[in-house]
Every structure is written in structure tokens, then in C-alpha cells.
Protein backbone atom coordinates (compact mmCIF):
# COMPACT_ATOMS: atom_id res chain seq x y z
CA UNK A 1 -5.66 10.03 4.16
CA UNK A 2 -2.31 9.25 2.59
CA UNK A 3 0.98 10.94 3.35
CA UNK A 4 4.06 11.65 1.28
CA UNK A 5 7.82 12.00 1.67
CA UNK A 6 10.25 14.08 -0.34
CA UNK A 7 13.90 13.11 -0.83
CA UNK A 8 16.43 15.66 -2.11
CA UNK A 9 19.97 14.90 -3.23
CA UNK A 10 22.42 16.70 -0.93
CA UNK A 11 24.83 17.11 -3.86
CA UNK A 12 22.72 18.52 -6.71
CA UNK A 13 19.28 19.20 -5.19
CA UNK A 14 17.41 16.74 -7.44
CA UNK A 15 14.26 15.68 -5.57
CA UNK A 16 11.61 13.01 -5.81
CA UNK A 17 8.56 12.25 -3.72
CA UNK A 18 6.56 9.19 -2.79
CA UNK A 19 2.96 8.62 -1.79
CA UNK A 20 2.30 6.36 1.18
CA UNK A 21 -0.90 4.81 2.45
CA UNK A 22 -4.32 5.35 0.92
CA UNK A 23 -6.83 8.12 0.39
CA UNK A 24 -10.57 8.12 0.96
CA UNK A 25 -11.26 7.08 -2.65
CA UNK A 26 -9.62 3.71 -1.95
CA UNK A 27 -12.52 2.19 -0.05
CA UNK A 28 -12.56 -1.62 0.04
CA UNK A 29 -15.78 -1.68 -2.03
CA UNK A 30 -14.03 0.05 -4.92
CA UNK A 31 -11.86 -3.05 -5.42
CA UNK A 32 -14.86 -5.37 -5.88
CA UNK A 33 -16.46 -3.76 -8.94
CA UNK A 34 -16.78 -6.31 -11.75
CA UNK A 35 -19.29 -6.72 -14.58
CA UNK A 36 -20.40 -9.83 -16.45
CA UNK A 37 -19.62 -9.53 -20.16
CA UNK A 38 -22.26 -11.50 -22.10
CA UNK A 39 -20.28 -11.48 -25.36
CA UNK A 40 -17.03 -12.65 -23.75
CA UNK A 41 -18.89 -14.90 -21.28
CA UNK A 42 -16.62 -13.80 -18.44
CA UNK A 43 -16.20 -11.33 -15.60
CA UNK A 44 -14.52 -8.05 -16.52
CA UNK A 45 -13.28 -5.10 -14.52
CA UNK A 46 -15.78 -2.29 -14.11
CA UNK A 47 -14.29 1.03 -15.30
CA UNK A 48 -14.62 2.31 -11.71
CA UNK A 49 -12.70 -0.66 -10.23
CA UNK A 50 -9.77 0.69 -8.21
CA UNK A 51 -7.42 -2.13 -9.32
CA UNK A 52 -7.25 -0.48 -12.75
CA UNK A 53 -5.70 2.67 -11.29
CA UNK A 54 -3.22 1.07 -8.87
CA UNK A 55 -1.89 -1.93 -10.86
CA UNK A 56 -0.23 -1.45 -14.26
CA UNK A 57 0.69 -5.07 -15.05
CA UNK A 58 -1.91 -6.83 -17.21
CA UNK A 59 -0.67 -10.18 -15.93
CA UNK A 60 -1.16 -9.14 -12.30
CA UNK A 61 -4.62 -7.69 -13.08
CA UNK A 62 -5.59 -11.06 -14.56
CA UNK A 63 -4.29 -12.91 -11.48
CA UNK A 64 -6.21 -10.58 -9.18
CA UNK A 65 -9.44 -11.00 -11.17
CA UNK A 66 -9.06 -14.80 -11.19
CA UNK A 67 -8.52 -14.90 -7.43
CA UNK A 68 -11.38 -12.53 -6.65
CA UNK A 69 -13.93 -14.04 -9.01
CA UNK A 70 -13.02 -17.76 -9.07
CA UNK A 71 -11.60 -18.24 -5.58
CA UNK A 72 -13.65 -15.70 -3.62
CA UNK A 73 -10.54 -13.64 -2.85
CA UNK A 74 -10.82 -11.00 -0.15
CA UNK A 75 -8.74 -7.88 0.24
CA UNK A 76 -7.77 -7.22 3.82
CA UNK A 77 -7.34 -3.71 5.24
CA UNK A 78 -3.54 -3.74 5.02
CA UNK A 79 -3.23 -2.09 1.60
CA UNK A 80 -1.89 1.15 0.15
CA UNK A 81 1.07 2.76 -1.52
CA UNK A 82 4.44 1.77 -0.14
CA UNK A 83 8.12 1.91 -0.90
CA UNK A 84 10.11 -0.76 -2.68
CA UNK A 85 13.87 -0.89 -3.16
CA UNK A 86 15.97 -2.19 -6.02
CA UNK A 87 19.47 -3.34 -5.04
CA UNK A 88 20.54 -3.62 -8.68
CA UNK A 89 19.36 -0.14 -9.72
CA UNK A 90 19.85 1.56 -6.33
CA UNK A 91 16.42 3.16 -6.69
CA UNK A 92 13.30 3.51 -4.61
CA UNK A 93 9.98 2.74 -6.29
CA UNK A 94 6.45 3.61 -5.22
CA UNK A 95 4.10 0.62 -5.64
CA UNK A 96 0.72 -0.51 -4.35
CA UNK A 97 0.92 -3.11 -1.56
CA UNK A 98 -1.98 -5.46 -0.79
CA UNK A 99 -2.83 -8.94 0.42
CA UNK A 100 -5.58 -11.03 -1.17
CA UNK A 101 -6.74 -14.00 0.88
CA UNK A 102 -8.46 -16.93 -0.80
CA UNK A 103 -9.28 -20.59 -0.32
CA UNK A 104 -7.78 -23.18 -2.63
CA UNK A 105 -8.37 -26.89 -2.14
CA UNK A 106 -9.46 -26.29 1.45
CA UNK A 107 -6.34 -24.31 2.35
CA UNK A 108 -6.17 -20.58 3.06
CA UNK A 109 -3.65 -18.88 0.78
CA UNK A 110 -2.50 -15.32 0.29
CA UNK A 111 -1.51 -13.45 -2.86
CA UNK A 112 1.02 -10.67 -2.24
CA UNK A 113 2.24 -8.69 -5.26
CA UNK A 114 5.77 -9.00 -6.54
CA UNK A 115 7.24 -6.03 -8.36
CA UNK A 116 10.36 -5.93 -10.50
CA UNK A 117 12.86 -3.29 -11.62
CA UNK A 118 13.98 -2.65 -15.21
CA UNK A 119 16.55 -5.47 -14.86
CA UNK A 120 13.76 -7.90 -13.92
CA UNK A 121 15.07 -8.17 -10.35
CA UNK A 122 12.45 -8.40 -7.62
CA UNK A 123 11.93 -5.26 -5.56
CA UNK A 124 12.18 -5.38 -1.75
CA UNK A 125 9.45 -3.73 0.31
CA UNK A 126 10.86 -1.24 2.83
CA UNK A 127 9.47 1.16 5.43
CA UNK A 128 9.68 4.91 4.89
CA UNK A 129 12.04 5.20 7.86
CA UNK A 130 14.46 2.75 6.25
CA UNK A 131 15.23 4.79 3.12
CA UNK A 132 18.34 6.24 4.75
CA UNK A 133 19.56 2.69 5.49
CA UNK A 134 19.63 1.51 1.86
CA UNK A 135 22.07 2.57 -0.84
CA UNK A 136 20.24 4.76 -3.33
CA UNK A 137 21.76 6.84 -6.11
CA UNK A 138 20.64 10.18 -7.47
CA UNK A 139 19.61 9.64 -11.10
CA UNK A 140 21.04 13.05 -12.02
CA UNK A 141 24.50 13.15 -10.37
CA UNK A 142 24.88 9.64 -8.86
CA UNK A 143 25.16 11.21 -5.39
CA UNK A 144 24.32 8.95 -2.46
CA UNK A 145 23.31 11.36 0.31
CA UNK A 146 19.73 12.57 0.58
CA UNK A 147 17.75 14.86 2.82
CA UNK A 148 14.29 13.62 3.81
CA UNK A 149 11.26 15.84 4.19
CA UNK A 150 7.59 15.30 4.84
CA UNK A 151 5.37 16.14 1.90
CA UNK A 152 1.68 17.01 1.82
CA UNK A 153 -1.12 14.64 2.79
CA UNK A 154 -3.16 13.44 -0.15
CA UNK A 155 -6.56 11.93 -0.77
């Protein structure tokens, strides 16, 4: 079961929340659903494949499919929604973290997603307890002090 956190600006009350972890629907098997497309002569994502709901980048979806289908990539259990920080935008983003292990030329490799902000700067993964340690700005009033609360669990 996933959890969530709520952050409220101490100045204007603007609030935002983030999901953390995973719910029961995110079973490892749900990430391995692919179908062979006879017309395209290639593997395609099944409509029920969980990657389609957690990854928005078409480029990253292609990389994931290539690793899983061509290089026997395996998702380990350390996956779920996490927090990412942008130094340039002073924002916190909610993104899906995962590690895909695969073998290439006899060497074990790992694919870890890289996410970027609107300025094309790479986001930094942070722990929920570290939000108060990074400089974030309220998008409404540009305030920099926030109150943290625990939100509902989700599935």
C-alpha cells in the first residue's frame, strides 16, 4: 500500500501532495505484459502493462521495452513513486522510480530512469524526510516555508 504526504505553504496556504511507494495493483507481473504484433513484426505493450500508466515519456517506454524484450531485463522489487527535486525550478516532482537489470555482452547492467524539469535539467531523487532540507518555492506566492502532513494511504 502506498502512502502520501501533503505540503502546505506557511504563507498563503497553497498545498500539494505526493504519492509514495506502490499499491497492490503494481504487482511485478503487471510490468511484463507484452504482445507480439504480427503486422508490425515486433513486441508491443499490452494495454494492461503497468509501464503505460507510470511512464509518460515515449522514449523511455521504448528503452524499457527494448531492455525487457531484447536483453531479458528484470525489474527488481525496489520500485514505486518517489520524490525528485529540481534545483533550477525549486520544485518537487512525483515520479516513478525503478531499476531494470539486464545482461549486455556478458556484463550485468542496470537502467535507472532519469527525469528532467521544464528547463531540461536532471531531477535529483530525494527522500520524503529531506523535503524540508531543499529550497522549494510556492508556485502561488513564492514563499519558501512549508508545513508537512501525512496524507491518506492509497492503493
